[in-house]
């Protein structure tokens, strides 16, 4: 199970991306859990996720979100604005998989 936390404004448009990501994951036989929370709510849920993604509309909060996520040992990235705008769940799923791979490779190095 891959657990993804998307930090966004209110979650309205992000819910469409979540559905697209879940469909893309199912098509590739991945078990995926995606939760979209506001910038005021996500901090209490960091321990429950594997990856933190930041929605483009709150990129102004990127540094503070990255700091907290990294302190919790979670990989974090800004969702590509084009992929967010087009609700491209496949591309965002690829971003999640790449983040997890980079994290695993970083832990494997001496």
C-alpha atoms as a PDB file:
ATOM      1  CA  UNK A   1       0.000   0.000   0.000  1.00  0.00           C
ATOM      2  CA  UNK A   2       1.331   3.377  -1.026  1.00  0.00           C
ATOM      3  CA  UNK A   3      -0.073   6.169   1.122  1.00  0.00           C
ATOM      4  CA  UNK A   4      -0.072   9.646  -0.442  1.00  0.00           C
ATOM      5  CA  UNK A   5      -0.949  12.907   1.268  1.00  0.00           C
ATOM      6  CA  UNK A   6      -1.763  15.873  -0.965  1.00  0.00           C
ATOM      7  CA  UNK A   7      -1.624  19.252   0.736  1.00  0.00           C
ATOM      8  CA  UNK A   8      -3.996  21.657  -0.990  1.00  0.00           C
ATOM      9  CA  UNK A   9      -6.292  24.631  -0.398  1.00  0.00           C
ATOM     10  CA  UNK A  10      -9.741  23.169   0.139  1.00  0.00           C
ATOM     11  CA  UNK A  11      -9.699  19.813  -1.610  1.00  0.00           C
ATOM     12  CA  UNK A  12     -12.420  20.520  -4.177  1.00  0.00           C
ATOM     13  CA  UNK A  13     -10.425  20.198  -7.392  1.00  0.00           C
ATOM     14  CA  UNK A  14      -7.920  17.909  -5.720  1.00  0.00           C
ATOM     15  CA  UNK A  15     -10.631  15.292  -5.235  1.00  0.00           C
ATOM     16  CA  UNK A  16     -10.778  14.935  -9.025  1.00  0.00           C
ATOM     17  CA  UNK A  17      -7.023  14.326  -9.121  1.00  0.00           C
ATOM     18  CA  UNK A  18      -7.342  11.776  -6.319  1.00  0.00           C
ATOM     19  CA  UNK A  19      -9.894   9.807  -8.355  1.00  0.00           C
ATOM     20  CA  UNK A  20      -7.657   9.938 -11.423  1.00  0.00           C
ATOM     21  CA  UNK A  21      -4.666   8.718  -9.396  1.00  0.00           C
ATOM     22  CA  UNK A  22      -6.684   5.841  -7.926  1.00  0.00           C
ATOM     23  CA  UNK A  23      -7.819   4.777 -11.401  1.00  0.00           C
ATOM     24  CA  UNK A  24      -4.235   4.913 -12.694  1.00  0.00           C
ATOM     25  CA  UNK A  25      -3.004   2.871  -9.737  1.00  0.00           C
ATOM     26  CA  UNK A  26      -5.709   0.247 -10.173  1.00  0.00           C
ATOM     27  CA  UNK A  27      -4.865  -0.096 -13.862  1.00  0.00           C
ATOM     28  CA  UNK A  28      -1.251  -0.830 -12.864  1.00  0.00           C
ATOM     29  CA  UNK A  29      -2.185  -3.129  -9.957  1.00  0.00           C
ATOM     30  CA  UNK A  30      -0.908  -0.768  -7.249  1.00  0.00           C
ATOM     31  CA  UNK A  31      -2.734  -0.406  -3.982  1.00  0.00           C
ATOM     32  CA  UNK A  32      -2.926   3.308  -3.355  1.00  0.00           C
ATOM     33  CA  UNK A  33      -4.406   5.477  -0.647  1.00  0.00           C
ATOM     34  CA  UNK A  34      -4.625   9.199  -1.387  1.00  0.00           C
ATOM     35  CA  UNK A  35      -5.830  11.816   1.042  1.00  0.00           C
ATOM     36  CA  UNK A  36      -6.147  15.527   0.305  1.00  0.00           C
ATOM     37  CA  UNK A  37      -5.897  17.833   3.301  1.00  0.00           C
ATOM     38  CA  UNK A  38      -5.625  21.571   3.722  1.00  0.00           C
ATOM     39  CA  UNK A  39      -2.426  23.293   4.755  1.00  0.00           C
ATOM     40  CA  UNK A  40      -3.885  23.636   8.239  1.00  0.00           C
ATOM     41  CA  UNK A  41      -4.709  19.935   8.629  1.00  0.00           C
ATOM     42  CA  UNK A  42      -1.891  17.907   7.095  1.00  0.00           C
ATOM     43  CA  UNK A  43       0.625  18.212   9.953  1.00  0.00           C
ATOM     44  CA  UNK A  44      -1.255  15.767  12.164  1.00  0.00           C
ATOM     45  CA  UNK A  45      -1.261  13.129   9.410  1.00  0.00           C
ATOM     46  CA  UNK A  46       2.392  13.134   8.304  1.00  0.00           C
ATOM     47  CA  UNK A  47       3.181   9.925  10.162  1.00  0.00           C
ATOM     48  CA  UNK A  48       0.404   8.122   8.283  1.00  0.00           C
ATOM     49  CA  UNK A  49       1.732   8.692   4.754  1.00  0.00           C
ATOM     50  CA  UNK A  50       4.626   7.589   2.571  1.00  0.00           C
ATOM     51  CA  UNK A  51       4.765  10.630   0.267  1.00  0.00           C
ATOM     52  CA  UNK A  52       3.685  14.270   0.560  1.00  0.00           C
ATOM     53  CA  UNK A  53       2.621  16.168  -2.542  1.00  0.00           C
ATOM     54  CA  UNK A  54       1.946  19.900  -2.652  1.00  0.00           C
ATOM     55  CA  UNK A  55      -0.804  21.241  -4.892  1.00  0.00           C
ATOM     56  CA  UNK A  56       0.354  24.089  -7.161  1.00  0.00           C
ATOM     57  CA  UNK A  57      -2.133  26.604  -5.769  1.00  0.00           C
ATOM     58  CA  UNK A  58      -0.348  26.585  -2.397  1.00  0.00           C
ATOM     59  CA  UNK A  59       3.224  26.545  -3.683  1.00  0.00           C
ATOM     60  CA  UNK A  60       3.823  29.682  -1.609  1.00  0.00           C
ATOM     61  CA  UNK A  61       3.801  27.352   1.429  1.00  0.00           C
ATOM     62  CA  UNK A  62       6.281  24.941  -0.145  1.00  0.00           C
ATOM     63  CA  UNK A  63       9.279  25.670   2.093  1.00  0.00           C
ATOM     64  CA  UNK A  64       7.359  25.200   5.352  1.00  0.00           C
ATOM     65  CA  UNK A  65       5.640  22.026   4.107  1.00  0.00           C
ATOM     66  CA  UNK A  66       8.949  20.610   2.843  1.00  0.00           C
ATOM     67  CA  UNK A  67      10.621  21.341   6.174  1.00  0.00           C
ATOM     68  CA  UNK A  68       7.970  19.514   8.198  1.00  0.00           C
ATOM     69  CA  UNK A  69       7.762  16.589   5.773  1.00  0.00           C
ATOM     70  CA  UNK A  70      11.534  16.158   5.681  1.00  0.00           C
ATOM     71  CA  UNK A  71      11.710  16.306   9.477  1.00  0.00           C
ATOM     72  CA  UNK A  72       9.182  13.460   9.474  1.00  0.00           C
ATOM     73  CA  UNK A  73      11.331  11.548   6.954  1.00  0.00           C
ATOM     74  CA  UNK A  74       8.800  11.819   4.138  1.00  0.00           C
ATOM     75  CA  UNK A  75       9.695  12.623   0.541  1.00  0.00           C
ATOM     76  CA  UNK A  76       7.913  15.726  -0.676  1.00  0.00           C
ATOM     77  CA  UNK A  77       7.386  17.413  -4.042  1.00  0.00           C
ATOM     78  CA  UNK A  78       5.290  20.019  -5.772  1.00  0.00           C
ATOM     79  CA  UNK A  79       2.782  18.536  -8.209  1.00  0.00           C
ATOM     80  CA  UNK A  80       3.613  19.646 -11.744  1.00  0.00           C
ATOM     81  CA  UNK A  81       1.066  22.435 -12.465  1.00  0.00           C
ATOM     82  CA  UNK A  82       0.205  21.066 -15.929  1.00  0.00           C
ATOM     83  CA  UNK A  83      -0.493  17.597 -14.522  1.00  0.00           C
ATOM     84  CA  UNK A  84      -2.641  19.119 -11.803  1.00  0.00           C
ATOM     85  CA  UNK A  85      -4.571  21.317 -14.244  1.00  0.00           C
ATOM     86  CA  UNK A  86      -5.270  18.381 -16.548  1.00  0.00           C
ATOM     87  CA  UNK A  87      -5.973  15.996 -13.623  1.00  0.00           C
ATOM     88  CA  UNK A  88      -3.374  13.598 -15.023  1.00  0.00           C
ATOM     89  CA  UNK A  89      -3.418  10.940 -12.324  1.00  0.00           C
ATOM     90  CA  UNK A  90      -1.044   8.703 -14.283  1.00  0.00           C
ATOM     91  CA  UNK A  91       1.655  11.395 -14.352  1.00  0.00           C
ATOM     92  CA  UNK A  92       1.209  12.236 -10.666  1.00  0.00           C
ATOM     93  CA  UNK A  93       1.343   8.528  -9.792  1.00  0.00           C
ATOM     94  CA  UNK A  94       4.645   8.348 -11.706  1.00  0.00           C
ATOM     95  CA  UNK A  95       5.896  11.271  -9.620  1.00  0.00           C
ATOM     96  CA  UNK A  96       4.984   9.390  -6.434  1.00  0.00           C
ATOM     97  CA  UNK A  97       6.744   6.225  -7.611  1.00  0.00           C
ATOM     98  CA  UNK A  98       9.850   8.214  -8.531  1.00  0.00           C
ATOM     99  CA  UNK A  99       9.930   9.900  -5.112  1.00  0.00           C
ATOM    100  CA  UNK A 100       9.684   6.529  -3.376  1.00  0.00           C
ATOM    101  CA  UNK A 101      12.417   5.081  -5.583  1.00  0.00           C
ATOM    102  CA  UNK A 102      14.713   8.033  -4.909  1.00  0.00           C
ATOM    103  CA  UNK A 103      14.098   7.689  -1.187  1.00  0.00           C
ATOM    104  CA  UNK A 104      14.881   3.966  -1.233  1.00  0.00           C
ATOM    105  CA  UNK A 105      18.046   4.510  -3.242  1.00  0.00           C
ATOM    106  CA  UNK A 106      19.123   7.253  -0.856  1.00  0.00           C
ATOM    107  CA  UNK A 107      18.684   4.942   2.121  1.00  0.00           C
ATOM    108  CA  UNK A 108      20.587   2.144   0.407  1.00  0.00           C
ATOM    109  CA  UNK A 109      23.694   4.252  -0.121  1.00  0.00           C
ATOM    110  CA  UNK A 110      26.395   4.213   2.560  1.00  0.00           C
END
